Amino acid sequence: MKKNLSVGILILLVGVAVAASLMAQDKAHPAKYEYAIVKWDGPDRLFYNLPGKFEMKHLAKQGVPVPDGAQNEEFCLAAASNIMAQDGWEPVNLDSRRILYRRPVN
């Protein structure tokens, strides 16, 4: 009985020591991000809410025409995601008409 109790306490102590030594994330330096939102608002019109500025862009004026048969909203948001990805933005959340992006701040 005493041997089983001793083994149980030893296993418990080893488990606590291992759990305490494991760190899922370095809490001394948490990642910092900046956020942006792209909103579709019309046939080819997109609103870019970027850190420190706001832009309204028409994809047709940027040389990206919406193909025949494509849904405007889906095509425009996909094109905006490709443009944002080139600048290092990654999508975080998707709504029916807008996408939230983030990128690490150095």
Protein backbone atom coordinates (compact mmCIF):
# COMPACT_ATOMS: atom_id res chain seq x y z
CA MET A 1 0.00 0.00 0.00
CA LYS A 2 2.78 2.43 0.94
CA LYS A 3 4.65 1.47 -2.22
CA ASN A 4 1.62 2.26 -4.43
CA LEU A 5 1.14 5.58 -2.65
CA SER A 6 4.82 6.47 -3.11
CA VAL A 7 4.73 5.58 -6.81
CA GLY A 8 1.52 7.59 -7.25
CA ILE A 9 3.02 10.68 -5.57
CA LEU A 10 6.19 10.32 -7.64
CA ILE A 11 4.21 10.12 -10.87
CA LEU A 12 2.16 13.14 -9.82
CA LEU A 13 5.29 15.19 -9.04
CA VAL A 14 6.92 14.23 -12.34
CA GLY A 15 3.73 15.17 -14.21
CA VAL A 16 3.55 18.56 -12.49
CA ALA A 17 7.25 19.20 -13.19
CA VAL A 18 6.83 18.35 -16.88
CA ALA A 19 3.69 20.48 -17.21
CA ALA A 20 5.39 23.43 -15.53
CA SER A 21 8.41 23.21 -17.81
CA LEU A 22 6.36 23.15 -21.02
CA MET A 23 5.49 26.55 -22.45
CA ALA A 24 3.03 26.79 -25.32
CA GLN A 25 4.04 30.35 -26.14
CA ASP A 26 6.76 32.74 -25.08
CA LYS A 27 4.75 35.25 -23.03
CA ALA A 28 7.65 37.68 -22.71
CA HIS A 29 7.27 38.79 -26.35
CA PRO A 30 3.67 38.46 -27.56
CA ALA A 31 3.13 39.04 -31.27
CA LYS A 32 1.84 42.47 -32.26
CA TYR A 33 -0.40 42.89 -35.26
CA GLU A 34 -2.01 45.66 -37.25
CA TYR A 35 -5.45 45.09 -38.74
CA ALA A 36 -7.28 46.11 -41.91
CA ILE A 37 -10.73 45.55 -43.38
CA VAL A 38 -11.76 45.30 -47.03
CA LYS A 39 -15.46 45.76 -47.73
CA TRP A 40 -17.25 45.09 -51.00
CA ASP A 41 -19.82 47.78 -51.81
CA GLY A 42 -21.07 47.53 -55.33
CA PRO A 43 -20.33 45.98 -58.69
CA ASP A 44 -16.56 46.50 -58.52
CA ARG A 45 -16.14 48.98 -55.66
CA LEU A 46 -14.05 48.08 -52.61
CA PHE A 47 -13.43 50.05 -49.42
CA TYR A 48 -10.00 49.52 -47.85
CA ASN A 49 -9.80 50.47 -44.17
CA LEU A 50 -6.04 50.28 -43.66
CA PRO A 51 -4.07 51.44 -40.62
CA GLY A 52 -3.97 55.22 -40.85
CA LYS A 53 -5.83 55.57 -44.15
CA PHE A 54 -9.04 54.82 -46.01
CA GLU A 55 -9.24 54.10 -49.74
CA MET A 56 -12.06 53.44 -52.14
CA LYS A 57 -11.01 51.54 -55.26
CA HIS A 58 -12.73 50.28 -58.38
CA LEU A 59 -11.24 47.04 -59.68
CA ALA A 60 -12.01 47.95 -63.29
CA LYS A 61 -9.90 51.11 -62.93
CA GLN A 62 -7.05 48.95 -61.58
CA GLY A 63 -7.16 46.74 -64.66
CA VAL A 64 -9.04 43.85 -63.03
CA PRO A 65 -12.33 43.42 -64.89
CA VAL A 66 -15.01 41.15 -63.43
CA PRO A 67 -15.42 38.20 -65.84
CA ASP A 68 -18.81 37.42 -67.37
CA GLY A 69 -20.74 34.94 -65.25
CA ALA A 70 -18.74 35.62 -62.08
CA GLN A 71 -20.50 36.88 -58.98
CA ASN A 72 -19.28 40.42 -58.37
CA GLU A 73 -19.02 40.13 -54.60
CA GLU A 74 -17.06 36.88 -54.55
CA PHE A 75 -14.73 37.83 -57.40
CA CYS A 76 -13.97 41.28 -55.99
CA LEU A 77 -13.24 39.97 -52.48
CA ALA A 78 -11.00 37.23 -53.90
CA ALA A 79 -9.12 39.78 -56.01
CA ALA A 80 -8.75 42.04 -52.96
CA SER A 81 -7.40 39.10 -50.94
CA ASN A 82 -4.75 38.45 -53.59
CA ILE A 83 -3.77 42.13 -53.57
CA MET A 84 -3.62 42.23 -49.77
CA ALA A 85 -1.57 39.00 -49.64
CA GLN A 86 1.09 40.61 -51.81
CA ASP A 87 1.53 43.23 -49.07
CA GLY A 88 1.85 40.60 -46.32
CA TRP A 89 -1.74 40.64 -45.03
CA GLU A 90 -3.39 37.38 -43.96
CA PRO A 91 -7.17 36.95 -43.68
CA VAL A 92 -8.46 36.41 -40.15
CA ASN A 93 -12.23 36.59 -40.48
CA LEU A 94 -14.71 36.56 -43.34
CA ASP A 95 -18.15 38.14 -43.39
CA SER A 96 -20.54 38.12 -46.33
CA ARG A 97 -19.29 41.52 -47.56
CA ARG A 98 -16.01 42.13 -45.73
CA ILE A 99 -12.74 40.46 -44.81
CA LEU A 100 -10.63 41.23 -41.74
CA TYR A 101 -6.85 40.99 -42.27
CA ARG A 102 -3.82 41.20 -40.03
CA ARG A 103 -0.07 41.34 -40.41
CA PRO A 104 2.74 41.38 -37.86
CA VAL A 105 4.16 44.71 -36.82
CA ASN A 106 7.94 44.83 -36.65
